[in-house]
Amino acid sequence: MIASLFLACALAPQEDWPGDSSRIGKDAEPFRAVASLTEEISLLNLINGLCLTRAQMERLAALARRAGEVRDAEMKRRAETARELAAALAELRKSLIERDGAIPP
């Protein structure tokens, strides 16, 4: 049970695999499933190989939960930065189109 909790907290959102899913479309899902299952199996093997005590597993689960919280906060921050960058790039593109590519003085 604790190992399952640890895995739920520890698994980070993965980048699409392979490459950009916009090029793969609906076919990307099996790749994500394989990557996720492979990572989960690797983590289970690692956890089982460590022969941790219950107290150690509980501490590890708590750390994994905290790491997940930090990761989620960072992903939100990055998403906001990406939105700001996209808006700035769209504005630049519009400006370049209106000026036929000429750089303003």
N, C-alpha and C. Protein backbone atom coordinates (compact mmCIF):
# COMPACT_ATOMS: atom_id res chain seq x y z
N MET A 1 0.82 -1.19 0.00
CA MET A 1 0.00 0.00 0.00
C MET A 1 0.87 1.26 0.00
N ILE A 2 1.88 1.29 0.84
CA ILE A 2 2.75 2.46 0.90
C ILE A 2 3.51 2.60 -0.41
N ALA A 3 3.92 1.47 -1.00
CA ALA A 3 4.62 1.54 -2.29
C ALA A 3 3.72 2.15 -3.35
N SER A 4 2.44 1.81 -3.34
CA SER A 4 1.50 2.38 -4.30
C SER A 4 1.34 3.88 -4.08
N LEU A 5 1.26 4.30 -2.83
CA LEU A 5 1.17 5.72 -2.51
C LEU A 5 2.42 6.44 -2.97
N PHE A 6 3.56 5.83 -2.71
CA PHE A 6 4.82 6.43 -3.14
C PHE A 6 4.83 6.62 -4.65
N LEU A 7 4.42 5.58 -5.38
CA LEU A 7 4.41 5.67 -6.84
C LEU A 7 3.46 6.75 -7.33
N ALA A 8 2.30 6.85 -6.72
CA ALA A 8 1.33 7.86 -7.13
C ALA A 8 1.89 9.26 -6.96
N CYS A 9 2.66 9.46 -5.90
CA CYS A 9 3.24 10.77 -5.64
C CYS A 9 4.51 11.02 -6.45
N ALA A 10 5.25 9.98 -6.72
CA ALA A 10 6.57 10.15 -7.33
C ALA A 10 6.54 10.29 -8.84
N LEU A 11 5.53 9.73 -9.47
CA LEU A 11 5.52 9.75 -10.93
C LEU A 11 5.26 11.15 -11.44
N ALA A 12 6.24 11.71 -12.12
CA ALA A 12 6.11 13.04 -12.68
C ALA A 12 5.43 12.96 -14.03
N PRO A 13 4.74 14.05 -14.41
CA PRO A 13 4.21 14.07 -15.75
C PRO A 13 5.34 13.93 -16.75
N GLN A 14 5.16 13.06 -17.69
CA GLN A 14 6.22 12.79 -18.64
C GLN A 14 6.04 13.61 -19.91
N GLU A 15 7.16 13.95 -20.52
CA GLU A 15 7.11 14.55 -21.84
C GLU A 15 6.53 13.52 -22.79
N ASP A 16 5.88 14.00 -23.83
CA ASP A 16 5.35 13.07 -24.82
C ASP A 16 6.48 12.28 -25.42
N TRP A 17 6.22 11.00 -25.64
CA TRP A 17 7.25 10.12 -26.17
C TRP A 17 6.66 9.31 -27.28
N PRO A 18 7.25 9.15 -28.41
CA PRO A 18 8.49 9.80 -28.84
C PRO A 18 8.20 11.16 -29.44
N GLY A 19 8.97 12.12 -29.13
CA GLY A 19 8.87 13.44 -29.74
C GLY A 19 7.56 14.15 -29.46
N ASP A 20 7.18 14.98 -30.37
CA ASP A 20 6.02 15.85 -30.25
C ASP A 20 4.75 15.09 -30.60
N SER A 21 3.81 15.00 -29.66
CA SER A 21 2.59 14.24 -29.89
C SER A 21 1.70 14.89 -30.94
N SER A 22 1.89 16.17 -31.22
CA SER A 22 1.06 16.80 -32.24
C SER A 22 1.32 16.18 -33.61
N ARG A 23 2.49 15.60 -33.78
CA ARG A 23 2.80 14.91 -35.04
C ARG A 23 2.29 13.48 -35.03
N ILE A 24 2.05 12.93 -33.86
CA ILE A 24 1.64 11.54 -33.76
C ILE A 24 0.12 11.43 -33.61
N GLY A 25 -0.50 12.44 -33.00
CA GLY A 25 -1.94 12.44 -32.81
C GLY A 25 -2.37 11.38 -31.82
N LYS A 26 -3.47 10.70 -32.15
CA LYS A 26 -4.04 9.70 -31.24
C LYS A 26 -3.12 8.51 -31.02
N ASP A 27 -2.16 8.30 -31.90
CA ASP A 27 -1.24 7.18 -31.76
C ASP A 27 -0.22 7.39 -30.64
N ALA A 28 -0.17 8.57 -30.04
CA ALA A 28 0.79 8.85 -28.97
C ALA A 28 0.43 8.14 -27.67
N GLU A 29 -0.85 7.86 -27.46
CA GLU A 29 -1.29 7.29 -26.19
C GLU A 29 -0.61 5.97 -25.85
N PRO A 30 -0.49 5.02 -26.78
CA PRO A 30 0.21 3.77 -26.42
C PRO A 30 1.66 4.01 -26.00
N PHE A 31 2.33 4.98 -26.60
CA PHE A 31 3.71 5.28 -26.23
C PHE A 31 3.76 5.83 -24.81
N ARG A 32 2.80 6.71 -24.47
CA ARG A 32 2.74 7.25 -23.11
C ARG A 32 2.49 6.13 -22.11
N ALA A 33 1.58 5.22 -22.46
CA ALA A 33 1.26 4.11 -21.55
C ALA A 33 2.48 3.23 -21.32
N VAL A 34 3.21 2.92 -22.38
CA VAL A 34 4.42 2.10 -22.25
C VAL A 34 5.45 2.81 -21.39
N ALA A 35 5.67 4.10 -21.63
CA ALA A 35 6.65 4.85 -20.85
C ALA A 35 6.25 4.90 -19.38
N SER A 36 4.97 5.13 -19.11
CA SER A 36 4.49 5.21 -17.74
C SER A 36 4.63 3.87 -17.02
N LEU A 37 4.22 2.78 -17.67
CA LEU A 37 4.33 1.46 -17.06
C LEU A 37 5.79 1.06 -16.84
N THR A 38 6.64 1.39 -17.79
CA THR A 38 8.06 1.08 -17.66
C THR A 38 8.66 1.81 -16.46
N GLU A 39 8.30 3.08 -16.31
CA GLU A 39 8.81 3.85 -15.18
C GLU A 39 8.28 3.30 -13.86
N GLU A 40 7.00 2.94 -13.83
CA GLU A 40 6.41 2.40 -12.60
C GLU A 40 7.08 1.09 -12.20
N ILE A 41 7.33 0.22 -13.17
CA ILE A 41 8.00 -1.06 -12.90
C ILE A 41 9.42 -0.81 -12.38
N SER A 42 10.12 0.13 -12.98
CA SER A 42 11.48 0.45 -12.52
C SER A 42 11.46 0.94 -11.07
N LEU A 43 10.51 1.81 -10.76
CA LEU A 43 10.41 2.32 -9.38
C LEU A 43 10.06 1.21 -8.40
N LEU A 44 9.13 0.33 -8.78
CA LEU A 44 8.78 -0.79 -7.90
C LEU A 44 9.98 -1.69 -7.65
N ASN A 45 10.75 -1.97 -8.71
CA ASN A 45 11.95 -2.78 -8.55
C ASN A 45 12.95 -2.10 -7.61
N LEU A 46 13.11 -0.81 -7.77
CA LEU A 46 14.02 -0.06 -6.90
C LEU A 46 13.54 -0.11 -5.45
N ILE A 47 12.27 0.18 -5.23
CA ILE A 47 11.73 0.19 -3.87
C ILE A 47 11.86 -1.19 -3.23
N ASN A 48 11.49 -2.23 -3.97
CA ASN A 48 11.58 -3.59 -3.42
C ASN A 48 13.02 -3.98 -3.13
N GLY A 49 13.96 -3.53 -3.95
CA GLY A 49 15.36 -3.87 -3.76
C GLY A 49 16.00 -3.16 -2.57
N LEU A 50 15.41 -2.07 -2.13
CA LEU A 50 15.98 -1.33 -1.01
C LEU A 50 15.68 -1.96 0.34
N CYS A 51 14.68 -2.81 0.41
CA CYS A 51 14.29 -3.48 1.67
C CYS A 51 14.11 -2.45 2.79
N LEU A 52 13.31 -1.44 2.53
CA LEU A 52 13.09 -0.37 3.50
C LEU A 52 12.16 -0.82 4.62
N THR A 53 12.36 -0.23 5.79
CA THR A 53 11.44 -0.47 6.90
C THR A 53 10.16 0.33 6.63
N ARG A 54 9.13 0.03 7.39
CA ARG A 54 7.87 0.75 7.23
C ARG A 54 8.08 2.25 7.48
N ALA A 55 8.86 2.59 8.50
CA ALA A 55 9.12 4.00 8.81
C ALA A 55 9.86 4.69 7.66
N GLN A 56 10.81 3.98 7.07
CA GLN A 56 11.54 4.55 5.94
C GLN A 56 10.62 4.76 4.74
N MET A 57 9.73 3.79 4.50
CA MET A 57 8.78 3.91 3.39
C MET A 57 7.84 5.09 3.61
N GLU A 58 7.38 5.26 4.86
CA GLU A 58 6.48 6.37 5.17
C GLU A 58 7.19 7.71 4.96
N ARG A 59 8.44 7.79 5.38
CA ARG A 59 9.22 9.02 5.18
C ARG A 59 9.43 9.28 3.70
N LEU A 60 9.75 8.24 2.95
CA LEU A 60 9.95 8.36 1.52
C LEU A 60 8.66 8.80 0.83
N ALA A 61 7.52 8.26 1.25
CA ALA A 61 6.23 8.65 0.69
C ALA A 61 5.95 10.12 0.97
N ALA A 62 6.27 10.59 2.19
CA ALA A 62 6.07 11.99 2.53
C ALA A 62 6.95 12.89 1.66
N LEU A 63 8.18 12.48 1.47
CA LEU A 63 9.09 13.25 0.61
C LEU A 63 8.59 13.26 -0.84
N ALA A 64 8.07 12.14 -1.29
CA ALA A 64 7.54 12.06 -2.66
C ALA A 64 6.34 12.98 -2.82
N ARG A 65 5.47 13.03 -1.80
CA ARG A 65 4.32 13.94 -1.87
C ARG A 65 4.80 15.38 -1.96
N ARG A 66 5.78 15.73 -1.14
CA ARG A 66 6.32 17.10 -1.16
C ARG A 66 6.96 17.40 -2.51
N ALA A 67 7.70 16.45 -3.05
CA ALA A 67 8.31 16.64 -4.36
C ALA A 67 7.24 16.86 -5.43
N GLY A 68 6.14 16.12 -5.32
CA GLY A 68 5.04 16.30 -6.26
C GLY A 68 4.43 17.69 -6.17
N GLU A 69 4.30 18.20 -4.95
CA GLU A 69 3.77 19.56 -4.77
C GLU A 69 4.69 20.59 -5.39
N VAL A 70 5.98 20.44 -5.16
CA VAL A 70 6.97 21.37 -5.73
C VAL A 70 6.94 21.29 -7.26
N ARG A 71 6.89 20.06 -7.79
CA ARG A 71 6.84 19.86 -9.24
C ARG A 71 5.60 20.52 -9.84
N ASP A 72 4.44 20.32 -9.20
CA ASP A 72 3.20 20.91 -9.70
C ASP A 72 3.26 22.43 -9.71
N ALA A 73 3.80 23.02 -8.65
CA ALA A 73 3.93 24.47 -8.59
C ALA A 73 4.86 24.98 -9.69
N GLU A 74 5.94 24.26 -9.92
CA GLU A 74 6.89 24.65 -10.97
C GLU A 74 6.25 24.54 -12.35
N MET A 75 5.47 23.50 -12.57
CA MET A 75 4.80 23.34 -13.87
C MET A 75 3.80 24.48 -14.10
N LYS A 76 3.10 24.92 -13.06
CA LYS A 76 2.19 26.05 -13.20
C LYS A 76 2.96 27.32 -13.55
N ARG A 77 4.09 27.51 -12.88
CA ARG A 77 4.91 28.70 -13.15
C ARG A 77 5.41 28.68 -14.59
N ARG A 78 5.88 27.52 -15.04
CA ARG A 78 6.38 27.40 -16.41
C ARG A 78 5.26 27.61 -17.43
N ALA A 79 4.08 27.12 -17.12
CA ALA A 79 2.95 27.30 -18.04
C ALA A 79 2.61 28.78 -18.18
N GLU A 80 2.63 29.51 -17.07
CA GLU A 80 2.36 30.95 -17.12
C GLU A 80 3.43 31.66 -17.94
N THR A 81 4.68 31.31 -17.74
CA THR A 81 5.77 31.90 -18.51
C THR A 81 5.60 31.59 -20.00
N ALA A 82 5.21 30.37 -20.32
CA ALA A 82 4.99 29.99 -21.72
C ALA A 82 3.84 30.79 -22.33
N ARG A 83 2.77 31.02 -21.56
CA ARG A 83 1.66 31.84 -22.06
C ARG A 83 2.12 33.26 -22.34
N GLU A 84 2.92 33.82 -21.44
CA GLU A 84 3.44 35.17 -21.64
C GLU A 84 4.34 35.24 -22.87
N LEU A 85 5.18 34.24 -23.05
CA LEU A 85 6.06 34.19 -24.21
C LEU A 85 5.25 34.06 -25.50
N ALA A 86 4.23 33.21 -25.49
CA ALA A 86 3.39 33.04 -26.68
C ALA A 86 2.71 34.36 -27.05
N ALA A 87 2.24 35.10 -26.06
CA ALA A 87 1.60 36.39 -26.33
C ALA A 87 2.60 37.37 -26.92
N ALA A 88 3.81 37.42 -26.37
CA ALA A 88 4.84 38.32 -26.89
C ALA A 88 5.23 37.94 -28.32
N LEU A 89 5.36 36.64 -28.59
CA LEU A 89 5.71 36.20 -29.94
C LEU A 89 4.59 36.50 -30.93
N ALA A 90 3.35 36.33 -30.51
CA ALA A 90 2.22 36.66 -31.39
C ALA A 90 2.21 38.15 -31.72
N GLU A 91 2.51 38.97 -30.72
CA GLU A 91 2.59 40.41 -30.95
C GLU A 91 3.73 40.75 -31.91
N LEU A 92 4.87 40.12 -31.74
CA LEU A 92 6.00 40.33 -32.64
C LEU A 92 5.65 39.91 -34.06
N ARG A 93 5.02 38.76 -34.21
CA ARG A 93 4.61 38.28 -35.54
C ARG A 93 3.67 39.28 -36.19
N LYS A 94 2.69 39.75 -35.45
CA LYS A 94 1.73 40.73 -35.98
C LYS A 94 2.46 41.99 -36.43
N SER A 95 3.38 42.45 -35.60
CA SER A 95 4.15 43.65 -35.92
C SER A 95 4.97 43.45 -37.19
N LEU A 96 5.59 42.30 -37.33
CA LEU A 96 6.40 42.02 -38.52
C LEU A 96 5.54 41.93 -39.78
N ILE A 97 4.36 41.35 -39.66
CA ILE A 97 3.46 41.26 -40.81
C ILE A 97 2.99 42.64 -41.23
N GLU A 98 2.62 43.48 -40.27
CA GLU A 98 2.14 44.83 -40.58
C GLU A 98 3.22 45.70 -41.19
N ARG A 99 4.46 45.44 -40.89
CA ARG A 99 5.56 46.25 -41.41
C ARG A 99 6.27 45.55 -42.57
N ASP A 100 5.69 44.50 -43.08
CA ASP A 100 6.31 43.73 -44.16
C ASP A 100 7.72 43.29 -43.80
N GLY A 101 7.93 42.98 -42.54
CA GLY A 101 9.22 42.47 -42.10
C GLY A 101 10.23 43.54 -41.77
N ALA A 102 9.88 44.81 -41.97
CA ALA A 102 10.82 45.89 -41.67
C ALA A 102 10.96 46.04 -40.16
N ILE A 103 12.17 46.27 -39.73
CA ILE A 103 12.43 46.47 -38.30
C ILE A 103 12.13 47.93 -37.97
N PRO A 104 11.29 48.17 -36.95
CA PRO A 104 10.97 49.56 -36.61
C PRO A 104 12.20 50.29 -36.09
N PRO A 105 12.22 51.63 -36.29
CA PRO A 105 13.39 52.42 -35.84
C PRO A 105 13.55 52.41 -34.34
